[in-house]
Amino acid sequence: PDELDLAGLYPSAPAPAEEPPAVTILSAAPDRVVLDVA
């Protein structure tokens, strides 16, 4: 929480500590998201 600057904006992200799984977006709706995960 201390990362918030005075304007309340979140800082840009550095490289993640761990490599996330490979993901492909197959569809993304407000109530349903279908992903290809690895």
All heavy atoms as atom14 arrays in JSON, in Angstrom:
{
  "sequence": "PDELDLAGLYPSAPAPAEEPPAVTILSAAPDRVVLDVA",
  "atom14_mask": [
    [1, 1, 1, 1, 1, 1, 1, 0, 0, 0, 0, 0, 0, 0],
    [1, 1, 1, 1, 1, 1, 1, 1, 0, 0, 0, 0, 0, 0],
    [1, 1, 1, 1, 1, 1, 1, 1, 1, 0, 0, 0, 0, 0],
    [1, 1, 1, 1, 1, 1, 1, 1, 0, 0, 0, 0, 0, 0],
    [1, 1, 1, 1, 1, 1, 1, 1, 0, 0, 0, 0, 0, 0],
    [1, 1, 1, 1, 1, 1, 1, 1, 0, 0, 0, 0, 0, 0],
    [1, 1, 1, 1, 1, 0, 0, 0, 0, 0, 0, 0, 0, 0],
    [1, 1, 1, 1, 0, 0, 0, 0, 0, 0, 0, 0, 0, 0],
    [1, 1, 1, 1, 1, 1, 1, 1, 0, 0, 0, 0, 0, 0],
    [1, 1, 1, 1, 1, 1, 1, 1, 1, 1, 1, 1, 0, 0],
    [1, 1, 1, 1, 1, 1, 1, 0, 0, 0, 0, 0, 0, 0],
    [1, 1, 1, 1, 1, 1, 0, 0, 0, 0, 0, 0, 0, 0],
    [1, 1, 1, 1, 1, 0, 0, 0, 0, 0, 0, 0, 0, 0],
    [1, 1, 1, 1, 1, 1, 1, 0, 0, 0, 0, 0, 0, 0],
    [1, 1, 1, 1, 1, 0, 0, 0, 0, 0, 0, 0, 0, 0],
    [1, 1, 1, 1, 1, 1, 1, 0, 0, 0, 0, 0, 0, 0],
    [1, 1, 1, 1, 1, 0, 0, 0, 0, 0, 0, 0, 0, 0],
    [1, 1, 1, 1, 1, 1, 1, 1, 1, 0, 0, 0, 0, 0],
    [1, 1, 1, 1, 1, 1, 1, 1, 1, 0, 0, 0, 0, 0],
    [1, 1, 1, 1, 1, 1, 1, 0, 0, 0, 0, 0, 0, 0],
    [1, 1, 1, 1, 1, 1, 1, 0, 0, 0, 0, 0, 0, 0],
    [1, 1, 1, 1, 1, 0, 0, 0, 0, 0, 0, 0, 0, 0],
    [1, 1, 1, 1, 1, 1, 1, 0, 0, 0, 0, 0, 0, 0],
    [1, 1, 1, 1, 1, 1, 1, 0, 0, 0, 0, 0, 0, 0],
    [1, 1, 1, 1, 1, 1, 1, 1, 0, 0, 0, 0, 0, 0],
    [1, 1, 1, 1, 1, 1, 1, 1, 0, 0, 0, 0, 0, 0],
    [1, 1, 1, 1, 1, 1, 0, 0, 0, 0, 0, 0, 0, 0],
    [1, 1, 1, 1, 1, 0, 0, 0, 0, 0, 0, 0, 0, 0],
    [1, 1, 1, 1, 1, 0, 0, 0, 0, 0, 0, 0, 0, 0],
    [1, 1, 1, 1, 1, 1, 1, 0, 0, 0, 0, 0, 0, 0],
    [1, 1, 1, 1, 1, 1, 1, 1, 0, 0, 0, 0, 0, 0],
    [1, 1, 1, 1, 1, 1, 1, 1, 1, 1, 1, 0, 0, 0],
    [1, 1, 1, 1, 1, 1, 1, 0, 0, 0, 0, 0, 0, 0],
    [1, 1, 1, 1, 1, 1, 1, 0, 0, 0, 0, 0, 0, 0],
    [1, 1, 1, 1, 1, 1, 1, 1, 0, 0, 0, 0, 0, 0],
    [1, 1, 1, 1, 1, 1, 1, 1, 0, 0, 0, 0, 0, 0],
    [1, 1, 1, 1, 1, 1, 1, 0, 0, 0, 0, 0, 0, 0],
    [1, 1, 1, 1, 1, 0, 0, 0, 0, 0, 0, 0, 0, 0]
  ],
  "atom14_positions": [
    [[0.81, -1.22, 0.0], [0.0, 0.0, 0.0], [0.84, 1.27, 0.0], [0.4, 2.3, -0.49], [-0.83, -0.12, 1.28], [-0.91, -1.59, 1.53], [0.41, -2.15, 1.07], [0.0, 0.0, 0.0], [0.0, 0.0, 0.0], [0.0, 0.0, 0.0], [0.0, 0.0, 0.0], [0.0, 0.0, 0.0], [0.0, 0.0, 0.0], [0.0, 0.0, 0.0]],
    [[2.08, 1.19, 0.54], [2.93, 2.37, 0.56], [3.42, 2.76, -0.82], [4.0, 3.83, -1.0], [4.13, 2.14, 1.48], [3.72, 1.99, 2.94], [2.63, 2.51, 3.28], [4.46, 1.36, 3.71], [0.0, 0.0, 0.0], [0.0, 0.0, 0.0], [0.0, 0.0, 0.0], [0.0, 0.0, 0.0], [0.0, 0.0, 0.0], [0.0, 0.0, 0.0]],
    [[3.22, 1.89, -1.85], [3.66, 2.21, -3.2], [2.8, 3.3, -3.84], [3.19, 3.87, -4.85], [3.61, 0.96, -4.08], [4.64, -0.1, -3.75], [4.56, -1.26, -4.71], [4.07, -1.07, -5.83], [5.0, -2.36, -4.35], [0.0, 0.0, 0.0], [0.0, 0.0, 0.0], [0.0, 0.0, 0.0], [0.0, 0.0, 0.0], [0.0, 0.0, 0.0]],
    [[1.62, 3.56, -3.31], [0.76, 4.58, -3.9], [1.45, 5.93, -3.85], [1.99, 6.34, -2.83], [-0.57, 4.65, -3.15], [-1.47, 3.41, -3.22], [-2.69, 3.61, -2.35], [-1.88, 3.16, -4.65], [0.0, 0.0, 0.0], [0.0, 0.0, 0.0], [0.0, 0.0, 0.0], [0.0, 0.0, 0.0], [0.0, 0.0, 0.0], [0.0, 0.0, 0.0]],
    [[1.42, 6.65, -4.99], [2.01, 7.98, -4.99], [0.97, 8.99, -4.53], [-0.16, 8.66, -4.2], [2.59, 8.34, -6.37], [1.51, 8.37, -7.45], [0.34, 8.56, -7.1], [1.88, 8.24, -8.64], [0.0, 0.0, 0.0], [0.0, 0.0, 0.0], [0.0, 0.0, 0.0], [0.0, 0.0, 0.0], [0.0, 0.0, 0.0], [0.0, 0.0, 0.0]],
    [[1.34, 10.26, -4.5], [0.46, 11.27, -3.95], [-0.83, 11.41, -4.75], [-1.85, 11.83, -4.23], [1.18, 12.62, -3.9], [2.37, 12.67, -2.93], [3.04, 14.04, -3.0], [1.91, 12.39, -1.51], [0.0, 0.0, 0.0], [0.0, 0.0, 0.0], [0.0, 0.0, 0.0], [0.0, 0.0, 0.0], [0.0, 0.0, 0.0], [0.0, 0.0, 0.0]],
    [[-0.79, 11.08, -6.03], [-1.99, 11.19, -6.86], [-2.89, 9.98, -6.72], [-3.98, 9.95, -7.26], [-1.59, 11.36, -8.33], [0.0, 0.0, 0.0], [0.0, 0.0, 0.0], [0.0, 0.0, 0.0], [0.0, 0.0, 0.0], [0.0, 0.0, 0.0], [0.0, 0.0, 0.0], [0.0, 0.0, 0.0], [0.0, 0.0, 0.0], [0.0, 0.0, 0.0]],
    [[-2.41, 8.98, -6.0], [-3.22, 7.78, -5.85], [-3.1, 6.82, -6.99], [-3.85, 5.87, -7.09], [0.0, 0.0, 0.0], [0.0, 0.0, 0.0], [0.0, 0.0, 0.0], [0.0, 0.0, 0.0], [0.0, 0.0, 0.0], [0.0, 0.0, 0.0], [0.0, 0.0, 0.0], [0.0, 0.0, 0.0], [0.0, 0.0, 0.0], [0.0, 0.0, 0.0]],
    [[-2.13, 7.05, -7.9], [-1.99, 6.17, -9.06], [-1.01, 5.06, -8.75], [0.0, 5.27, -8.09], [-1.49, 6.97, -10.27], [-2.42, 8.09, -10.74], [-1.76, 8.87, -11.86], [-3.74, 7.52, -11.21], [0.0, 0.0, 0.0], [0.0, 0.0, 0.0], [0.0, 0.0, 0.0], [0.0, 0.0, 0.0], [0.0, 0.0, 0.0], [0.0, 0.0, 0.0]],
    [[-1.28, 3.88, -9.25], [-0.4, 2.76, -9.01], [0.8, 2.86, -9.94], [0.69, 3.24, -11.1], [-1.14, 1.44, -9.25], [-2.26, 1.23, -8.28], [-3.58, 1.38, -8.67], [-1.99, 0.94, -6.95], [-4.62, 1.22, -7.77], [-3.03, 0.77, -6.04], [-4.33, 0.92, -6.47], [-5.35, 0.76, -5.58], [0.0, 0.0, 0.0], [0.0, 0.0, 0.0]],
    [[1.97, 2.5, -9.46], [3.17, 2.59, -10.3], [3.15, 1.53, -11.38], [2.44, 0.54, -11.3], [4.3, 2.32, -9.29], [3.65, 1.48, -8.24], [2.25, 1.97, -8.12], [0.0, 0.0, 0.0], [0.0, 0.0, 0.0], [0.0, 0.0, 0.0], [0.0, 0.0, 0.0], [0.0, 0.0, 0.0], [0.0, 0.0, 0.0], [0.0, 0.0, 0.0]],
    [[3.93, 1.76, -12.4], [4.03, 0.76, -13.46], [4.72, -0.48, -12.92], [5.51, -0.41, -11.98], [4.83, 1.32, -14.64], [6.12, 1.69, -14.22], [0.0, 0.0, 0.0], [0.0, 0.0, 0.0], [0.0, 0.0, 0.0], [0.0, 0.0, 0.0], [0.0, 0.0, 0.0], [0.0, 0.0, 0.0], [0.0, 0.0, 0.0], [0.0, 0.0, 0.0]],
    [[4.42, -1.62, -13.54], [4.89, -2.89, -12.99], [6.29, -3.22, -13.46], [6.6, -3.1, -14.63], [3.95, -4.0, -13.42], [0.0, 0.0, 0.0], [0.0, 0.0, 0.0], [0.0, 0.0, 0.0], [0.0, 0.0, 0.0], [0.0, 0.0, 0.0], [0.0, 0.0, 0.0], [0.0, 0.0, 0.0], [0.0, 0.0, 0.0], [0.0, 0.0, 0.0]],
    [[7.15, -3.65, -12.55], [8.43, -4.21, -12.97], [8.23, -5.63, -13.48], [7.12, -6.14, -13.48], [9.23, -4.2, -11.66], [8.18, -4.38, -10.6], [6.97, -3.67, -11.11], [0.0, 0.0, 0.0], [0.0, 0.0, 0.0], [0.0, 0.0, 0.0], [0.0, 0.0, 0.0], [0.0, 0.0, 0.0], [0.0, 0.0, 0.0], [0.0, 0.0, 0.0]],
    [[9.31, -6.26, -13.89], [9.2, -7.65, -14.33], [8.72, -8.51, -13.16], [9.13, -8.29, -12.02], [10.56, -8.14, -14.81], [0.0, 0.0, 0.0], [0.0, 0.0, 0.0], [0.0, 0.0, 0.0], [0.0, 0.0, 0.0], [0.0, 0.0, 0.0], [0.0, 0.0, 0.0], [0.0, 0.0, 0.0], [0.0, 0.0, 0.0], [0.0, 0.0, 0.0]],
    [[7.82, -9.45, -13.42], [7.3, -10.28, -12.33], [8.39, -11.16, -11.74], [9.36, -11.52, -12.41], [6.23, -11.12, -13.02], [6.62, -11.15, -14.47], [7.28, -9.84, -14.73], [0.0, 0.0, 0.0], [0.0, 0.0, 0.0], [0.0, 0.0, 0.0], [0.0, 0.0, 0.0], [0.0, 0.0, 0.0], [0.0, 0.0, 0.0], [0.0, 0.0, 0.0]],
    [[8.22, -11.49, -10.46], [9.2, -12.34, -9.8], [9.21, -13.74, -10.39], [10.25, -14.38, -10.46], [8.91, -12.41, -8.3], [0.0, 0.0, 0.0], [0.0, 0.0, 0.0], [0.0, 0.0, 0.0], [0.0, 0.0, 0.0], [0.0, 0.0, 0.0], [0.0, 0.0, 0.0], [0.0, 0.0, 0.0], [0.0, 0.0, 0.0], [0.0, 0.0, 0.0]],
    [[8.05, -14.23, -10.79], [7.95, -15.55, -11.37], [7.26, -15.47, -12.71], [6.37, -14.65, -12.92], [7.17, -16.49, -10.44], [7.84, -16.72, -9.1], [7.03, -17.68, -8.24], [6.14, -18.36, -8.79], [7.29, -17.75, -7.04], [0.0, 0.0, 0.0], [0.0, 0.0, 0.0], [0.0, 0.0, 0.0], [0.0, 0.0, 0.0], [0.0, 0.0, 0.0]],
    [[7.68, -16.31, -13.63], [7.06, -16.33, -14.95], [5.66, -16.92, -14.85], [5.48, -18.03, -14.38], [7.9, -17.19, -15.9], [7.48, -17.08, -17.35], [7.8, -15.73, -17.94], [8.71, -15.04, -17.42], [7.14, -15.35, -18.91], [0.0, 0.0, 0.0], [0.0, 0.0, 0.0], [0.0, 0.0, 0.0], [0.0, 0.0, 0.0], [0.0, 0.0, 0.0]],
    [[4.62, -16.17, -15.26], [3.26, -16.7, -15.17], [3.02, -17.74, -16.26], [3.76, -17.8, -17.26], [2.39, -15.47, -15.37], [3.23, -14.57, -16.23], [4.65, -14.81, -15.8], [0.0, 0.0, 0.0], [0.0, 0.0, 0.0], [0.0, 0.0, 0.0], [0.0, 0.0, 0.0], [0.0, 0.0, 0.0], [0.0, 0.0, 0.0], [0.0, 0.0, 0.0]],
    [[1.99, -18.56, -16.11], [1.69, -19.54, -17.15], [1.36, -18.86, -18.48], [0.85, -17.74, -18.51], [0.46, -20.27, -16.59], [0.44, -19.96, -15.13], [1.08, -18.63, -14.98], [0.0, 0.0, 0.0], [0.0, 0.0, 0.0], [0.0, 0.0, 0.0], [0.0, 0.0, 0.0], [0.0, 0.0, 0.0], [0.0, 0.0, 0.0], [0.0, 0.0, 0.0]],
    [[1.63, -19.55, -19.56], [1.29, -19.04, -20.89], [-0.23, -19.07, -21.05], [-0.87, -20.09, -20.79], [1.96, -19.88, -21.96], [0.0, 0.0, 0.0], [0.0, 0.0, 0.0], [0.0, 0.0, 0.0], [0.0, 0.0, 0.0], [0.0, 0.0, 0.0], [0.0, 0.0, 0.0], [0.0, 0.0, 0.0], [0.0, 0.0, 0.0], [0.0, 0.0, 0.0]],
    [[-0.8, -17.95, -21.47], [-2.25, -17.82, -21.58], [-2.63, -17.22, -22.93], [-1.99, -16.28, -23.4], [-2.81, -16.93, -20.45], [-4.3, -16.66, -20.66], [-2.58, -17.59, -19.1], [0.0, 0.0, 0.0], [0.0, 0.0, 0.0], [0.0, 0.0, 0.0], [0.0, 0.0, 0.0], [0.0, 0.0, 0.0], [0.0, 0.0, 0.0], [0.0, 0.0, 0.0]],
    [[-3.67, -17.78, -23.52], [-4.28, -17.21, -24.73], [-5.74, -16.92, -24.42], [-6.44, -17.76, -23.83], [-4.2, -18.18, -25.9], [-2.82, -18.49, -26.17], [-4.84, -17.59, -27.15], [0.0, 0.0, 0.0], [0.0, 0.0, 0.0], [0.0, 0.0, 0.0], [0.0, 0.0, 0.0], [0.0, 0.0, 0.0], [0.0, 0.0, 0.0], [0.0, 0.0, 0.0]],
    [[-6.2, -15.73, -24.78], [-7.6, -15.37, -24.55], [-8.45, -15.96, -25.67], [-8.27, -15.63, -26.85], [-7.78, -13.84, -24.52], [-6.91, -13.22, -23.42], [-9.25, -13.49, -24.3], [-6.91, -11.7, -23.43], [0.0, 0.0, 0.0], [0.0, 0.0, 0.0], [0.0, 0.0, 0.0], [0.0, 0.0, 0.0], [0.0, 0.0, 0.0], [0.0, 0.0, 0.0]],
    [[-9.37, -16.85, -25.31], [-10.29, -17.41, -26.3], [-11.57, -16.58, -26.38], [-12.12, -16.39, -27.47], [-10.63, -18.86, -25.93], [-9.42, -19.82, -25.87], [-9.89, -21.23, -25.52], [-8.65, -19.81, -27.18], [0.0, 0.0, 0.0], [0.0, 0.0, 0.0], [0.0, 0.0, 0.0], [0.0, 0.0, 0.0], [0.0, 0.0, 0.0], [0.0, 0.0, 0.0]],
    [[-12.04, -16.08, -25.24], [-13.17, -15.15, -25.22], [-13.18, -14.46, -23.87], [-12.73, -15.02, -22.87], [-14.5, -15.88, -25.46], [-14.79, -16.77, -24.41], [0.0, 0.0, 0.0], [0.0, 0.0, 0.0], [0.0, 0.0, 0.0], [0.0, 0.0, 0.0], [0.0, 0.0, 0.0], [0.0, 0.0, 0.0], [0.0, 0.0, 0.0], [0.0, 0.0, 0.0]],
    [[-13.69, -13.23, -23.87], [-13.76, -12.46, -22.63], [-15.02, -11.62, -22.64], [-15.11, -10.63, -23.37], [-12.52, -11.59, -22.45], [0.0, 0.0, 0.0], [0.0, 0.0, 0.0], [0.0, 0.0, 0.0], [0.0, 0.0, 0.0], [0.0, 0.0, 0.0], [0.0, 0.0, 0.0], [0.0, 0.0, 0.0], [0.0, 0.0, 0.0], [0.0, 0.0, 0.0]],
    [[-16.01, -12.04, -21.86], [-17.26, -11.31, -21.69], [-17.36, -10.86, -20.25], [-16.61, -11.32, -19.39], [-18.45, -12.21, -22.07], [0.0, 0.0, 0.0], [0.0, 0.0, 0.0], [0.0, 0.0, 0.0], [0.0, 0.0, 0.0], [0.0, 0.0, 0.0], [0.0, 0.0, 0.0], [0.0, 0.0, 0.0], [0.0, 0.0, 0.0], [0.0, 0.0, 0.0]],
    [[-18.28, -9.94, -19.94], [-18.38, -9.46, -18.56], [-18.65, -10.55, -17.53], [-18.29, -10.4, -16.36], [-19.54, -8.46, -18.62], [-19.56, -7.98, -20.03], [-19.16, -9.17, -20.85], [0.0, 0.0, 0.0], [0.0, 0.0, 0.0], [0.0, 0.0, 0.0], [0.0, 0.0, 0.0], [0.0, 0.0, 0.0], [0.0, 0.0, 0.0], [0.0, 0.0, 0.0]],
    [[-19.32, -11.64, -17.94], [-19.66, -12.68, -16.97], [-18.99, -14.03, -17.23], [-19.21, -14.98, -16.49], [-21.17, -12.88, -16.93], [-21.74, -13.27, -18.28], [-20.98, -13.27, -19.28], [-22.95, -13.55, -18.36], [0.0, 0.0, 0.0], [0.0, 0.0, 0.0], [0.0, 0.0, 0.0], [0.0, 0.0, 0.0], [0.0, 0.0, 0.0], [0.0, 0.0, 0.0]],
    [[-18.19, -14.12, -18.28], [-17.54, -15.41, -18.59], [-16.26, -15.15, -19.38], [-16.27, -14.43, -20.38], [-18.49, -16.3, -19.39], [-17.91, -17.66, -19.76], [-18.95, -18.49, -20.51], [-18.39, -19.68, -21.14], [-18.19, -20.84, -20.53], [-18.5, -20.95, -19.25], [-17.69, -21.87, -21.17], [0.0, 0.0, 0.0], [0.0, 0.0, 0.0], [0.0, 0.0, 0.0]],
    [[-15.19, -15.76, -18.91], [-13.89, -15.65, -19.58], [-13.37, -17.05, -19.85], [-13.36, -17.9, -18.95], [-12.88, -14.87, -18.71], [-11.5, -14.87, -19.35], [-13.37, -13.43, -18.49], [0.0, 0.0, 0.0], [0.0, 0.0, 0.0], [0.0, 0.0, 0.0], [0.0, 0.0, 0.0], [0.0, 0.0, 0.0], [0.0, 0.0, 0.0], [0.0, 0.0, 0.0]],
    [[-12.98, -17.31, -21.09], [-12.44, -18.61, -21.47], [-11.0, -18.4, -21.91], [-10.72, -17.6, -22.81], [-13.26, -19.26, -22.6], [-12.69, -20.64, -22.92], [-14.73, -19.38, -22.2], [0.0, 0.0, 0.0], [0.0, 0.0, 0.0], [0.0, 0.0, 0.0], [0.0, 0.0, 0.0], [0.0, 0.0, 0.0], [0.0, 0.0, 0.0], [0.0, 0.0, 0.0]],
    [[-10.09, -19.12, -21.27], [-8.66, -18.98, -21.52], [-8.06, -20.32, -21.89], [-8.53, -21.37, -21.44], [-7.95, -18.43, -20.28], [-8.47, -17.12, -19.68], [-7.75, -16.82, -18.38], [-8.3, -15.97, -20.67], [0.0, 0.0, 0.0], [0.0, 0.0, 0.0], [0.0, 0.0, 0.0], [0.0, 0.0, 0.0], [0.0, 0.0, 0.0], [0.0, 0.0, 0.0]],
    [[-7.03, -20.26, -22.71], [-6.17, -21.43, -22.94], [-4.95, -21.26, -22.05], [-4.15, -20.34, -22.25], [-5.77, -21.51, -24.42], [-4.93, -22.73, -24.72], [-3.85, -22.88, -24.09], [-5.32, -23.54, -25.58], [0.0, 0.0, 0.0], [0.0, 0.0, 0.0], [0.0, 0.0, 0.0], [0.0, 0.0, 0.0], [0.0, 0.0, 0.0], [0.0, 0.0, 0.0]],
    [[-4.85, -22.11, -21.04], [-3.76, -22.01, -20.07], [-2.8, -23.16, -20.31], [-3.11, -24.32, -20.0], [-4.3, -22.04, -18.62], [-3.15, -21.87, -17.63], [-5.36, -20.98, -18.41], [0.0, 0.0, 0.0], [0.0, 0.0, 0.0], [0.0, 0.0, 0.0], [0.0, 0.0, 0.0], [0.0, 0.0, 0.0], [0.0, 0.0, 0.0], [0.0, 0.0, 0.0]],
    [[-1.65, -22.85, -20.89], [-0.64, -23.86, -21.18], [-1.22, -25.04, -21.96], [-0.92, -26.2, -21.68], [0.03, -24.34, -19.89], [0.0, 0.0, 0.0], [0.0, 0.0, 0.0], [0.0, 0.0, 0.0], [0.0, 0.0, 0.0], [0.0, 0.0, 0.0], [0.0, 0.0, 0.0], [0.0, 0.0, 0.0], [0.0, 0.0, 0.0], [0.0, 0.0, 0.0]]
  ]
}
